[in-house]
Amino acid sequence: MQIPPEHSPNWSRQEWDLINVTELFKCKPAIMKKAERFLEELRSALAEELVHHSGPFPAETDLAKGQIARGENHKGFPFLSLDLPQKFSKTEFFTFRTLFWWGHYLGFSLILKGPELDNWVRPLKERRGQPEGNGVFISRHANPWEWEFNGENFVRVSELSPQDIESLADSLQYVKLMRVFPLCDQTFLQLDWKEAGLQTFRDLMQCVLK
């Protein structure tokens, strides 16, 4: 879809068609509310899971409350995100983030940074080809908060050698593992966000557990 420059003297037929579309804006509040409810269900399930989880969580990691954020313009599109567990500081990240990005995907990611990075990378090198690594991608972007899912920013972890993973972590000084469910995929209609999120959390944690 190519929209003419904003300084064009007249409306194009495509622009005229689009400014007469109202259905999307009528339905958007209900869609976002439904997505938020799915994230609330996942938040509750993760909190219950974490009560019994003996993962390598840094001190002061939030394992119970979590945070749901909502925005209207991530690269032009609305989004919802959930962080649980979560630990953010200038030198340390440990978060499992769920991102619903309108027009793009539902993604689950584990973002790790800090003094324990080597200890998380070591098991990842050994388990990159195990079942828990199926459909898991690793970020190779300098910014851990880049979410554009393409071949430049992400690569399947199973396609990398142990040396590749170690070099990537050394250069970036963080690791971000991600599993994505595209919104355009027909299977998304029946996707259970809670079950998909729980399973991905278990799989990604298994990838980095000692």
N, C-alpha and C. Protein backbone atom coordinates (compact mmCIF):
# COMPACT_ATOMS: atom_id res chain seq x y z
N MET A 1 0.85 -1.19 0.00
CA MET A 1 0.00 0.00 0.00
C MET A 1 0.89 1.24 0.00
N GLN A 2 0.70 2.10 -0.95
CA GLN A 2 1.53 3.30 -1.08
C GLN A 2 0.64 4.53 -0.95
N ILE A 3 0.82 5.26 0.15
CA ILE A 3 0.06 6.49 0.35
C ILE A 3 0.85 7.65 -0.24
N PRO A 4 0.21 8.52 -1.03
CA PRO A 4 0.92 9.68 -1.60
C PRO A 4 1.45 10.59 -0.50
N PRO A 5 2.47 11.38 -0.80
CA PRO A 5 3.02 12.32 0.19
C PRO A 5 1.95 13.23 0.76
N GLU A 6 2.13 13.66 2.02
CA GLU A 6 1.11 14.46 2.69
C GLU A 6 0.92 15.83 2.06
N HIS A 7 1.90 16.28 1.29
CA HIS A 7 1.76 17.60 0.66
C HIS A 7 1.10 17.53 -0.73
N SER A 8 0.62 16.34 -1.13
CA SER A 8 -0.08 16.23 -2.41
C SER A 8 -1.29 17.18 -2.42
N PRO A 9 -1.57 17.83 -3.52
CA PRO A 9 -2.63 18.84 -3.55
C PRO A 9 -4.03 18.26 -3.45
N ASN A 10 -4.20 16.97 -3.77
CA ASN A 10 -5.54 16.37 -3.75
C ASN A 10 -5.49 15.04 -3.00
N TRP A 11 -6.70 14.59 -2.59
CA TRP A 11 -6.81 13.25 -2.01
C TRP A 11 -6.72 12.21 -3.12
N SER A 12 -5.95 11.17 -2.87
CA SER A 12 -5.95 10.05 -3.80
C SER A 12 -7.20 9.22 -3.56
N ARG A 13 -7.53 8.32 -4.50
CA ARG A 13 -8.69 7.46 -4.31
C ARG A 13 -8.48 6.55 -3.09
N GLN A 14 -7.24 6.08 -2.92
CA GLN A 14 -6.94 5.21 -1.78
C GLN A 14 -7.11 5.95 -0.45
N GLU A 15 -6.63 7.16 -0.38
CA GLU A 15 -6.80 7.96 0.84
C GLU A 15 -8.28 8.20 1.11
N TRP A 16 -9.00 8.51 0.09
CA TRP A 16 -10.44 8.77 0.25
C TRP A 16 -11.16 7.53 0.78
N ASP A 17 -10.79 6.36 0.22
CA ASP A 17 -11.38 5.11 0.70
C ASP A 17 -11.07 4.91 2.18
N LEU A 18 -9.82 5.15 2.57
CA LEU A 18 -9.41 4.87 3.94
C LEU A 18 -10.05 5.82 4.95
N ILE A 19 -10.20 7.08 4.62
CA ILE A 19 -10.79 8.01 5.59
C ILE A 19 -12.29 7.81 5.74
N ASN A 20 -12.85 6.95 4.92
CA ASN A 20 -14.26 6.61 5.06
C ASN A 20 -14.47 5.27 5.77
N VAL A 21 -13.37 4.63 6.18
CA VAL A 21 -13.48 3.38 6.93
C VAL A 21 -13.67 3.69 8.40
N THR A 22 -14.72 3.21 9.01
CA THR A 22 -14.99 3.46 10.43
C THR A 22 -15.00 2.19 11.27
N GLU A 23 -15.13 1.03 10.63
CA GLU A 23 -15.31 -0.21 11.37
C GLU A 23 -14.12 -0.52 12.29
N LEU A 24 -12.91 -0.29 11.79
CA LEU A 24 -11.72 -0.57 12.59
C LEU A 24 -11.73 0.20 13.89
N PHE A 25 -12.04 1.50 13.83
CA PHE A 25 -12.00 2.33 15.02
C PHE A 25 -13.13 2.00 15.99
N LYS A 26 -14.25 1.51 15.44
CA LYS A 26 -15.35 1.08 16.31
C LYS A 26 -14.97 -0.19 17.08
N CYS A 27 -14.25 -1.09 16.42
CA CYS A 27 -13.95 -2.39 17.01
C CYS A 27 -12.67 -2.39 17.86
N LYS A 28 -11.78 -1.44 17.63
CA LYS A 28 -10.48 -1.46 18.29
C LYS A 28 -10.57 -1.51 19.82
N PRO A 29 -11.40 -0.68 20.49
CA PRO A 29 -11.43 -0.73 21.96
C PRO A 29 -11.77 -2.12 22.50
N ALA A 30 -12.73 -2.79 21.88
CA ALA A 30 -13.11 -4.13 22.34
C ALA A 30 -12.01 -5.14 22.08
N ILE A 31 -11.32 -5.01 20.94
CA ILE A 31 -10.22 -5.92 20.63
C ILE A 31 -9.09 -5.76 21.64
N MET A 32 -8.73 -4.53 21.95
CA MET A 32 -7.65 -4.30 22.90
C MET A 32 -8.05 -4.75 24.31
N LYS A 33 -9.31 -4.57 24.66
CA LYS A 33 -9.78 -5.02 25.97
C LYS A 33 -9.72 -6.54 26.07
N LYS A 34 -10.06 -7.22 24.98
CA LYS A 34 -10.01 -8.68 24.97
C LYS A 34 -8.56 -9.15 25.09
N ALA A 35 -7.66 -8.51 24.36
CA ALA A 35 -6.24 -8.86 24.44
C ALA A 35 -5.72 -8.63 25.86
N GLU A 36 -6.16 -7.55 26.48
CA GLU A 36 -5.73 -7.26 27.85
C GLU A 36 -6.23 -8.34 28.82
N ARG A 37 -7.44 -8.81 28.59
CA ARG A 37 -7.97 -9.89 29.44
C ARG A 37 -7.14 -11.16 29.29
N PHE A 38 -6.74 -11.47 28.04
CA PHE A 38 -5.88 -12.64 27.83
C PHE A 38 -4.55 -12.49 28.57
N LEU A 39 -4.00 -11.27 28.57
CA LEU A 39 -2.75 -11.04 29.28
C LEU A 39 -2.93 -11.13 30.79
N GLU A 40 -4.06 -10.70 31.29
CA GLU A 40 -4.34 -10.83 32.72
C GLU A 40 -4.40 -12.30 33.12
N GLU A 41 -5.02 -13.12 32.27
CA GLU A 41 -5.09 -14.56 32.54
C GLU A 41 -3.69 -15.17 32.55
N LEU A 42 -2.86 -14.75 31.61
CA LEU A 42 -1.48 -15.25 31.57
C LEU A 42 -0.70 -14.75 32.78
N ARG A 43 -0.90 -13.50 33.17
CA ARG A 43 -0.20 -12.97 34.34
C ARG A 43 -0.51 -13.79 35.59
N SER A 44 -1.78 -14.12 35.79
CA SER A 44 -2.17 -14.93 36.95
C SER A 44 -1.54 -16.32 36.89
N ALA A 45 -1.53 -16.92 35.70
CA ALA A 45 -0.96 -18.26 35.54
C ALA A 45 0.55 -18.25 35.77
N LEU A 46 1.23 -17.22 35.28
CA LEU A 46 2.68 -17.13 35.50
C LEU A 46 3.00 -16.92 36.97
N ALA A 47 2.21 -16.07 37.64
CA ALA A 47 2.44 -15.84 39.07
C ALA A 47 2.30 -17.14 39.85
N GLU A 48 1.31 -17.94 39.50
CA GLU A 48 1.13 -19.23 40.16
C GLU A 48 2.29 -20.18 39.85
N GLU A 49 2.74 -20.16 38.59
CA GLU A 49 3.88 -21.00 38.19
C GLU A 49 5.14 -20.62 38.96
N LEU A 50 5.34 -19.34 39.16
CA LEU A 50 6.57 -18.85 39.77
C LEU A 50 6.65 -19.16 41.27
N VAL A 51 5.50 -19.40 41.89
CA VAL A 51 5.50 -19.79 43.31
C VAL A 51 6.31 -21.06 43.52
N HIS A 52 6.27 -21.94 42.51
CA HIS A 52 6.92 -23.24 42.64
C HIS A 52 8.19 -23.35 41.78
N HIS A 53 8.63 -22.24 41.21
CA HIS A 53 9.77 -22.29 40.28
C HIS A 53 11.06 -21.92 41.00
N SER A 54 12.06 -22.74 40.83
CA SER A 54 13.35 -22.49 41.49
C SER A 54 14.37 -21.94 40.50
N GLY A 55 13.93 -21.05 39.63
CA GLY A 55 14.81 -20.51 38.61
C GLY A 55 15.90 -19.61 39.18
N PRO A 56 16.88 -19.28 38.36
CA PRO A 56 18.01 -18.46 38.82
C PRO A 56 17.68 -16.97 38.77
N PHE A 57 16.67 -16.57 39.55
CA PHE A 57 16.22 -15.18 39.48
C PHE A 57 17.13 -14.27 40.31
N PRO A 58 17.53 -13.13 39.75
CA PRO A 58 18.33 -12.19 40.54
C PRO A 58 17.55 -11.65 41.73
N ALA A 59 18.27 -11.14 42.70
CA ALA A 59 17.62 -10.53 43.86
C ALA A 59 16.69 -9.41 43.42
N GLU A 60 15.57 -9.31 44.12
CA GLU A 60 14.57 -8.26 43.90
C GLU A 60 13.82 -8.42 42.58
N THR A 61 13.86 -9.61 41.99
CA THR A 61 13.03 -9.87 40.81
C THR A 61 11.57 -9.98 41.22
N ASP A 62 10.70 -9.29 40.52
CA ASP A 62 9.26 -9.38 40.77
C ASP A 62 8.75 -10.71 40.22
N LEU A 63 8.29 -11.57 41.12
CA LEU A 63 7.80 -12.89 40.73
C LEU A 63 6.30 -13.03 40.93
N ALA A 64 5.63 -11.96 41.30
CA ALA A 64 4.22 -12.10 41.66
C ALA A 64 3.31 -11.07 41.01
N LYS A 65 3.74 -9.82 40.95
CA LYS A 65 2.82 -8.76 40.52
C LYS A 65 2.81 -8.59 39.00
N GLY A 66 3.97 -8.38 38.43
CA GLY A 66 4.04 -8.15 36.99
C GLY A 66 3.52 -6.78 36.60
N GLN A 67 3.62 -6.48 35.33
CA GLN A 67 3.16 -5.18 34.84
C GLN A 67 2.64 -5.31 33.42
N ILE A 68 1.43 -4.81 33.19
CA ILE A 68 0.86 -4.75 31.85
C ILE A 68 0.91 -3.29 31.39
N ALA A 69 1.51 -3.07 30.24
CA ALA A 69 1.63 -1.72 29.67
C ALA A 69 0.87 -1.67 28.36
N ARG A 70 0.38 -0.49 28.05
CA ARG A 70 -0.40 -0.30 26.83
C ARG A 70 0.09 0.95 26.12
N GLY A 71 0.27 0.84 24.82
CA GLY A 71 0.71 1.98 24.04
C GLY A 71 -0.01 2.04 22.72
N GLU A 72 0.02 3.21 22.11
CA GLU A 72 -0.72 3.43 20.87
C GLU A 72 0.17 3.55 19.64
N ASN A 73 1.48 3.64 19.84
CA ASN A 73 2.30 3.95 18.67
C ASN A 73 3.70 3.36 18.78
N HIS A 74 3.79 2.04 18.65
CA HIS A 74 5.11 1.45 18.47
C HIS A 74 5.32 1.25 16.98
N LYS A 75 6.10 2.13 16.39
CA LYS A 75 6.31 2.15 14.94
C LYS A 75 4.98 2.23 14.20
N GLY A 76 4.05 2.99 14.80
CA GLY A 76 2.78 3.26 14.14
C GLY A 76 1.63 2.36 14.53
N PHE A 77 1.87 1.37 15.42
CA PHE A 77 0.82 0.40 15.74
C PHE A 77 0.63 0.27 17.25
N PRO A 78 -0.61 0.05 17.70
CA PRO A 78 -0.88 -0.15 19.12
C PRO A 78 -0.24 -1.45 19.62
N PHE A 79 -0.04 -1.52 20.94
CA PHE A 79 0.53 -2.73 21.52
C PHE A 79 0.10 -2.86 22.97
N LEU A 80 0.23 -4.09 23.46
CA LEU A 80 0.09 -4.40 24.88
C LEU A 80 1.27 -5.28 25.25
N SER A 81 1.81 -5.08 26.46
CA SER A 81 2.91 -5.94 26.91
C SER A 81 2.72 -6.33 28.36
N LEU A 82 3.25 -7.48 28.70
CA LEU A 82 3.25 -7.98 30.07
C LEU A 82 4.66 -8.40 30.43
N ASP A 83 5.16 -7.93 31.58
CA ASP A 83 6.45 -8.35 32.09
C ASP A 83 6.26 -9.10 33.40
N LEU A 84 6.57 -10.38 33.40
CA LEU A 84 6.54 -11.22 34.60
C LEU A 84 7.19 -12.56 34.27
N PRO A 85 8.23 -12.92 35.04
CA PRO A 85 8.93 -12.14 36.07
C PRO A 85 9.62 -10.93 35.46
N GLN A 86 10.00 -10.00 36.33
CA GLN A 86 10.65 -8.81 35.80
C GLN A 86 11.67 -8.25 36.80
N LYS A 87 12.82 -7.89 36.26
CA LYS A 87 13.86 -7.18 37.02
C LYS A 87 14.57 -6.28 36.03
N PHE A 88 14.52 -4.98 36.27
CA PHE A 88 15.18 -4.02 35.40
C PHE A 88 16.07 -3.12 36.25
N SER A 89 17.30 -2.96 35.83
CA SER A 89 18.19 -1.97 36.42
C SER A 89 19.15 -1.52 35.33
N LYS A 90 20.04 -0.60 35.64
CA LYS A 90 20.98 -0.12 34.64
C LYS A 90 21.93 -1.22 34.17
N THR A 91 22.18 -2.20 35.03
CA THR A 91 23.17 -3.23 34.70
C THR A 91 22.59 -4.63 34.58
N GLU A 92 21.31 -4.78 34.88
CA GLU A 92 20.76 -6.14 34.95
C GLU A 92 19.32 -6.18 34.45
N PHE A 93 19.04 -7.14 33.55
CA PHE A 93 17.68 -7.44 33.10
C PHE A 93 17.41 -8.92 33.36
N PHE A 94 16.22 -9.19 33.81
CA PHE A 94 15.73 -10.56 33.83
C PHE A 94 14.22 -10.46 33.71
N THR A 95 13.72 -10.59 32.50
CA THR A 95 12.28 -10.45 32.31
C THR A 95 11.77 -11.42 31.26
N PHE A 96 10.57 -11.88 31.49
CA PHE A 96 9.82 -12.63 30.48
C PHE A 96 8.73 -11.69 29.99
N ARG A 97 8.89 -11.22 28.76
CA ARG A 97 7.96 -10.23 28.21
C ARG A 97 7.05 -10.86 27.16
N THR A 98 5.76 -10.62 27.32
CA THR A 98 4.76 -10.97 26.32
C THR A 98 4.37 -9.69 25.59
N LEU A 99 4.43 -9.72 24.28
CA LEU A 99 4.12 -8.53 23.49
C LEU A 99 3.05 -8.86 22.45
N PHE A 100 1.92 -8.16 22.55
CA PHE A 100 0.89 -8.21 21.52
C PHE A 100 1.03 -6.93 20.72
N TRP A 101 1.46 -7.07 19.48
CA TRP A 101 1.75 -5.90 18.63
C TRP A 101 0.80 -5.94 17.44
N TRP A 102 -0.13 -5.01 17.42
CA TRP A 102 -1.20 -4.96 16.40
C TRP A 102 -0.59 -5.05 15.00
N GLY A 103 -1.14 -5.94 14.19
CA GLY A 103 -0.69 -6.08 12.82
C GLY A 103 0.58 -6.88 12.65
N HIS A 104 1.15 -7.38 13.74
CA HIS A 104 2.43 -8.06 13.67
C HIS A 104 2.37 -9.47 14.29
N TYR A 105 2.40 -9.56 15.61
CA TYR A 105 2.49 -10.88 16.23
C TYR A 105 2.18 -10.82 17.73
N LEU A 106 2.02 -12.00 18.30
CA LEU A 106 2.08 -12.21 19.74
C LEU A 106 3.41 -12.88 20.00
N GLY A 107 4.27 -12.25 20.79
CA GLY A 107 5.61 -12.78 21.02
C GLY A 107 5.90 -12.96 22.49
N PHE A 108 6.64 -14.01 22.80
CA PHE A 108 7.08 -14.27 24.17
C PHE A 108 8.60 -14.27 24.18
N SER A 109 9.19 -13.47 25.05
CA SER A 109 10.65 -13.36 25.03
C SER A 109 11.22 -13.37 26.44
N LEU A 110 12.41 -13.94 26.55
CA LEU A 110 13.19 -13.93 27.79
C LEU A 110 14.40 -13.07 27.54
N ILE A 111 14.54 -12.00 28.33
CA ILE A 111 15.61 -11.02 28.12
C ILE A 111 16.52 -11.05 29.34
N LEU A 112 17.80 -11.31 29.10
CA LEU A 112 18.76 -11.52 30.18
C LEU A 112 19.99 -10.65 30.00
N LYS A 113 20.38 -9.99 31.08
CA LYS A 113 21.60 -9.20 31.06
C LYS A 113 22.10 -9.08 32.49
N GLY A 114 23.42 -9.14 32.67
CA GLY A 114 23.96 -8.96 34.01
C GLY A 114 25.15 -9.85 34.28
N PRO A 115 25.58 -9.88 35.54
CA PRO A 115 26.79 -10.63 35.89
C PRO A 115 26.68 -12.14 35.70
N GLU A 116 25.45 -12.65 35.62
CA GLU A 116 25.25 -14.10 35.44
C GLU A 116 25.11 -14.49 33.97
N LEU A 117 25.37 -13.56 33.06
CA LEU A 117 25.13 -13.83 31.64
C LEU A 117 25.86 -15.09 31.16
N ASP A 118 27.12 -15.24 31.52
CA ASP A 118 27.88 -16.42 31.09
C ASP A 118 27.24 -17.71 31.57
N ASN A 119 26.69 -17.69 32.77
CA ASN A 119 26.05 -18.89 33.32
C ASN A 119 24.75 -19.21 32.61
N TRP A 120 24.11 -18.22 32.01
CA TRP A 120 22.89 -18.47 31.24
C TRP A 120 23.23 -18.91 29.81
N VAL A 121 24.32 -18.40 29.28
CA VAL A 121 24.72 -18.73 27.92
C VAL A 121 25.25 -20.16 27.83
N ARG A 122 25.94 -20.61 28.86
CA ARG A 122 26.56 -21.94 28.82
C ARG A 122 25.53 -23.04 28.54
N PRO A 123 24.43 -23.14 29.30
CA PRO A 123 23.44 -24.18 28.97
C PRO A 123 22.74 -23.95 27.64
N LEU A 124 22.59 -22.69 27.25
CA LEU A 124 21.96 -22.39 25.97
C LEU A 124 22.77 -22.99 24.82
N LYS A 125 24.07 -22.91 24.90
CA LYS A 125 24.92 -23.47 23.85
C LYS A 125 24.71 -24.98 23.72
N GLU A 126 24.46 -25.64 24.86
CA GLU A 126 24.30 -27.09 24.86
C GLU A 126 22.90 -27.52 24.43
N ARG A 127 21.90 -26.67 24.67
CA ARG A 127 20.51 -27.08 24.47
C ARG A 127 19.84 -26.43 23.27
N ARG A 128 20.61 -25.72 22.47
CA ARG A 128 20.03 -24.97 21.36
C ARG A 128 19.28 -25.86 20.38
N GLY A 129 19.66 -27.15 20.28
CA GLY A 129 19.01 -28.06 19.36
C GLY A 129 18.02 -29.00 20.02
N GLN A 130 17.77 -28.82 21.32
CA GLN A 130 16.84 -29.68 22.04
C GLN A 130 15.40 -29.26 21.76
N PRO A 131 14.41 -30.13 22.09
CA PRO A 131 13.00 -29.80 21.81
C PRO A 131 12.55 -28.46 22.37
N GLU A 132 13.06 -28.07 23.54
CA GLU A 132 12.63 -26.80 24.12
C GLU A 132 13.08 -25.60 23.28
N GLY A 133 14.04 -25.84 22.38
CA GLY A 133 14.51 -24.77 21.51
C GLY A 133 13.75 -24.66 20.20
N ASN A 134 12.76 -25.52 19.99
CA ASN A 134 11.98 -25.47 18.74
C ASN A 134 11.26 -24.14 18.58
N GLY A 135 11.44 -23.51 17.43
CA GLY A 135 10.75 -22.25 17.17
C GLY A 135 11.25 -21.08 18.00
N VAL A 136 12.45 -21.22 18.58
CA VAL A 136 13.01 -20.15 19.40
C VAL A 136 14.05 -19.40 18.59
N PHE A 137 13.96 -18.07 18.62
CA PHE A 137 14.89 -17.19 17.93
C PHE A 137 15.71 -16.41 18.96
N ILE A 138 16.88 -15.99 18.54
CA ILE A 138 17.74 -15.17 19.39
C ILE A 138 18.00 -13.84 18.69
N SER A 139 17.95 -12.77 19.48
CA SER A 139 18.17 -11.44 18.92
C SER A 139 19.64 -11.24 18.58
N ARG A 140 19.89 -10.55 17.46
CA ARG A 140 21.25 -10.14 17.16
C ARG A 140 21.32 -8.63 16.90
N HIS A 141 20.33 -7.92 17.43
CA HIS A 141 20.31 -6.47 17.32
C HIS A 141 21.01 -5.86 18.53
N ALA A 142 21.66 -4.73 18.34
CA ALA A 142 22.39 -4.08 19.43
C ALA A 142 21.46 -3.62 20.55
N ASN A 143 20.20 -3.35 20.20
CA ASN A 143 19.23 -2.85 21.17
C ASN A 143 18.31 -3.99 21.62
N PRO A 144 18.29 -4.34 22.91
CA PRO A 144 17.42 -5.43 23.36
C PRO A 144 15.94 -5.12 23.24
N TRP A 145 15.60 -3.85 23.00
CA TRP A 145 14.19 -3.45 22.91
C TRP A 145 13.75 -3.23 21.46
N GLU A 146 14.48 -3.82 20.53
CA GLU A 146 14.06 -3.83 19.12
C GLU A 146 13.17 -5.05 18.90
N TRP A 147 11.95 -4.80 18.36
CA TRP A 147 10.96 -5.87 18.23
C TRP A 147 10.60 -6.20 16.78
N GLU A 148 11.17 -5.51 15.83
CA GLU A 148 10.88 -5.81 14.43
C GLU A 148 11.42 -7.20 14.12
N PHE A 149 10.52 -8.11 13.76
CA PHE A 149 10.90 -9.51 13.61
C PHE A 149 11.27 -9.78 12.15
N ASN A 150 12.57 -9.82 11.89
CA ASN A 150 13.05 -10.10 10.54
C ASN A 150 14.41 -10.79 10.62
N GLY A 151 14.93 -11.17 9.48
CA GLY A 151 16.18 -11.92 9.43
C GLY A 151 17.39 -11.14 9.87
N GLU A 152 17.31 -9.83 9.84
CA GLU A 152 18.44 -9.02 10.31
C GLU A 152 18.50 -8.98 11.83
N ASN A 153 17.33 -8.96 12.46
CA ASN A 153 17.27 -8.79 13.92
C ASN A 153 17.26 -10.10 14.69
N PHE A 154 16.76 -11.17 14.08
CA PHE A 154 16.61 -12.43 14.79
C PHE A 154 17.06 -13.60 13.91
N VAL A 155 17.58 -14.64 14.57
CA VAL A 155 17.96 -15.87 13.88
C VAL A 155 17.57 -17.04 14.76
N ARG A 156 17.20 -18.16 14.13
CA ARG A 156 16.87 -19.35 14.92
C ARG A 156 18.08 -19.77 15.73
N VAL A 157 17.85 -20.00 17.02
CA VAL A 157 18.97 -20.38 17.88
C VAL A 157 19.56 -21.71 17.46
N SER A 158 18.75 -22.59 16.87
CA SER A 158 19.23 -23.91 16.45
C SER A 158 20.17 -23.82 15.25
N GLU A 159 20.18 -22.67 14.55
CA GLU A 159 21.03 -22.51 13.38
C GLU A 159 22.43 -22.03 13.75
N LEU A 160 22.63 -21.66 15.01
CA LEU A 160 23.92 -21.13 15.44
C LEU A 160 24.75 -22.21 16.11
N SER A 161 26.04 -22.12 15.96
CA SER A 161 26.96 -23.01 16.66
C SER A 161 27.15 -22.49 18.09
N PRO A 162 27.69 -23.32 18.99
CA PRO A 162 27.98 -22.82 20.34
C PRO A 162 28.88 -21.59 20.32
N GLN A 163 29.84 -21.59 19.41
CA GLN A 163 30.75 -20.44 19.31
C GLN A 163 30.01 -19.19 18.84
N ASP A 164 29.05 -19.38 17.90
CA ASP A 164 28.25 -18.25 17.43
C ASP A 164 27.46 -17.61 18.57
N ILE A 165 26.85 -18.47 19.38
CA ILE A 165 26.04 -17.97 20.50
C ILE A 165 26.91 -17.23 21.50
N GLU A 166 28.05 -17.80 21.81
CA GLU A 166 28.96 -17.16 22.77
C GLU A 166 29.45 -15.81 22.23
N SER A 167 29.81 -15.77 20.97
CA SER A 167 30.29 -14.52 20.37
C SER A 167 29.18 -13.47 20.34
N LEU A 168 27.95 -13.91 20.04
CA LEU A 168 26.83 -12.98 19.99
C LEU A 168 26.57 -12.37 21.37
N ALA A 169 26.57 -13.22 22.39
CA ALA A 169 26.34 -12.73 23.75
C ALA A 169 27.46 -11.81 24.20
N ASP A 170 28.68 -12.15 23.86
CA ASP A 170 29.81 -11.31 24.24
C ASP A 170 29.73 -9.93 23.59
N SER A 171 29.32 -9.90 22.32
CA SER A 171 29.28 -8.61 21.61
C SER A 171 28.10 -7.76 22.05
N LEU A 172 26.95 -8.39 22.30
CA LEU A 172 25.76 -7.63 22.67
C LEU A 172 25.67 -7.34 24.16
N GLN A 173 26.26 -8.23 24.96
CA GLN A 173 26.18 -8.16 26.42
C GLN A 173 24.75 -8.34 26.94
N TYR A 174 23.97 -9.08 26.20
CA TYR A 174 22.65 -9.51 26.65
C TYR A 174 22.22 -10.69 25.78
N VAL A 175 21.21 -11.40 26.23
CA VAL A 175 20.60 -12.46 25.42
C VAL A 175 19.09 -12.25 25.44
N LYS A 176 18.50 -12.33 24.27
CA LYS A 176 17.04 -12.25 24.16
C LYS A 176 16.56 -13.41 23.30
N LEU A 177 15.82 -14.31 23.93
CA LEU A 177 15.24 -15.46 23.25
C LEU A 177 13.77 -15.18 23.02
N MET A 178 13.25 -15.61 21.88
CA MET A 178 11.88 -15.22 21.52
C MET A 178 11.19 -16.29 20.70
N ARG A 179 9.93 -16.48 20.99
CA ARG A 179 9.05 -17.34 20.17
C ARG A 179 7.87 -16.48 19.73
N VAL A 180 7.53 -16.55 18.45
CA VAL A 180 6.57 -15.63 17.86
C VAL A 180 5.40 -16.39 17.24
N PHE A 181 4.20 -15.84 17.42
CA PHE A 181 2.98 -16.35 16.81
C PHE A 181 2.39 -15.23 15.94
N PRO A 182 2.62 -15.27 14.62
CA PRO A 182 2.15 -14.20 13.74
C PRO A 182 0.62 -14.07 13.77
N LEU A 183 0.14 -12.85 13.80
CA LEU A 183 -1.31 -12.63 13.82
C LEU A 183 -1.96 -13.04 12.52
N CYS A 184 -1.20 -13.04 11.42
CA CYS A 184 -1.78 -13.39 10.12
C CYS A 184 -1.91 -14.90 9.92
N ASP A 185 -1.32 -15.68 10.83
CA ASP A 185 -1.40 -17.14 10.71
C ASP A 185 -2.80 -17.60 11.11
N GLN A 186 -3.40 -18.46 10.32
CA GLN A 186 -4.77 -18.92 10.59
C GLN A 186 -4.89 -19.58 11.96
N THR A 187 -3.80 -20.21 12.43
CA THR A 187 -3.86 -20.89 13.73
C THR A 187 -3.99 -19.91 14.89
N PHE A 188 -3.71 -18.64 14.64
CA PHE A 188 -3.82 -17.66 15.72
C PHE A 188 -5.25 -17.54 16.24
N LEU A 189 -6.22 -17.82 15.38
CA LEU A 189 -7.62 -17.71 15.78
C LEU A 189 -7.94 -18.57 17.00
N GLN A 190 -7.31 -19.73 17.10
CA GLN A 190 -7.59 -20.67 18.18
C GLN A 190 -6.46 -20.72 19.22
N LEU A 191 -5.51 -19.82 19.13
CA LEU A 191 -4.37 -19.86 20.04
C LEU A 191 -4.79 -19.53 21.47
N ASP A 192 -4.39 -20.37 22.41
CA ASP A 192 -4.62 -20.13 23.83
C ASP A 192 -3.41 -19.36 24.37
N TRP A 193 -3.57 -18.08 24.61
CA TRP A 193 -2.44 -17.25 25.02
C TRP A 193 -1.83 -17.74 26.33
N LYS A 194 -2.67 -18.16 27.26
CA LYS A 194 -2.16 -18.60 28.56
C LYS A 194 -1.30 -19.85 28.42
N GLU A 195 -1.79 -20.84 27.68
CA GLU A 195 -1.03 -22.08 27.52
C GLU A 195 0.23 -21.85 26.69
N ALA A 196 0.11 -21.06 25.62
CA ALA A 196 1.29 -20.77 24.79
C ALA A 196 2.34 -20.01 25.58
N GLY A 197 1.89 -19.07 26.40
CA GLY A 197 2.83 -18.29 27.21
C GLY A 197 3.50 -19.13 28.28
N LEU A 198 2.73 -19.95 28.97
CA LEU A 198 3.30 -20.81 30.01
C LEU A 198 4.31 -21.79 29.42
N GLN A 199 3.94 -22.41 28.30
CA GLN A 199 4.85 -23.39 27.69
C GLN A 199 6.13 -22.71 27.21
N THR A 200 5.99 -21.52 26.62
CA THR A 200 7.17 -20.82 26.14
C THR A 200 8.05 -20.40 27.32
N PHE A 201 7.45 -19.95 28.41
CA PHE A 201 8.24 -19.59 29.59
C PHE A 201 9.03 -20.81 30.08
N ARG A 202 8.37 -21.95 30.16
CA ARG A 202 9.06 -23.17 30.62
C ARG A 202 10.19 -23.54 29.68
N ASP A 203 9.92 -23.45 28.37
CA ASP A 203 10.93 -23.84 27.39
C ASP A 203 12.13 -22.90 27.44
N LEU A 204 11.88 -21.60 27.49
CA LEU A 204 12.99 -20.65 27.48
C LEU A 204 13.80 -20.73 28.77
N MET A 205 13.12 -20.94 29.88
CA MET A 205 13.86 -21.12 31.13
C MET A 205 14.72 -22.38 31.08
N GLN A 206 14.16 -23.44 30.50
CA GLN A 206 14.92 -24.69 30.38
C GLN A 206 16.17 -24.49 29.53
N CYS A 207 16.09 -23.59 28.57
CA CYS A 207 17.24 -23.33 27.70
C CYS A 207 18.40 -22.70 28.45
N VAL A 208 18.13 -21.99 29.54
CA VAL A 208 19.20 -21.26 30.22
C VAL A 208 19.47 -21.75 31.64
N LEU A 209 18.73 -22.76 32.09
CA LEU A 209 18.97 -23.30 33.42
C LEU A 209 20.25 -24.12 33.44
N LYS A 210 20.98 -24.03 34.52
CA LYS A 210 22.22 -24.80 34.67
C LYS A 210 21.91 -26.29 34.71
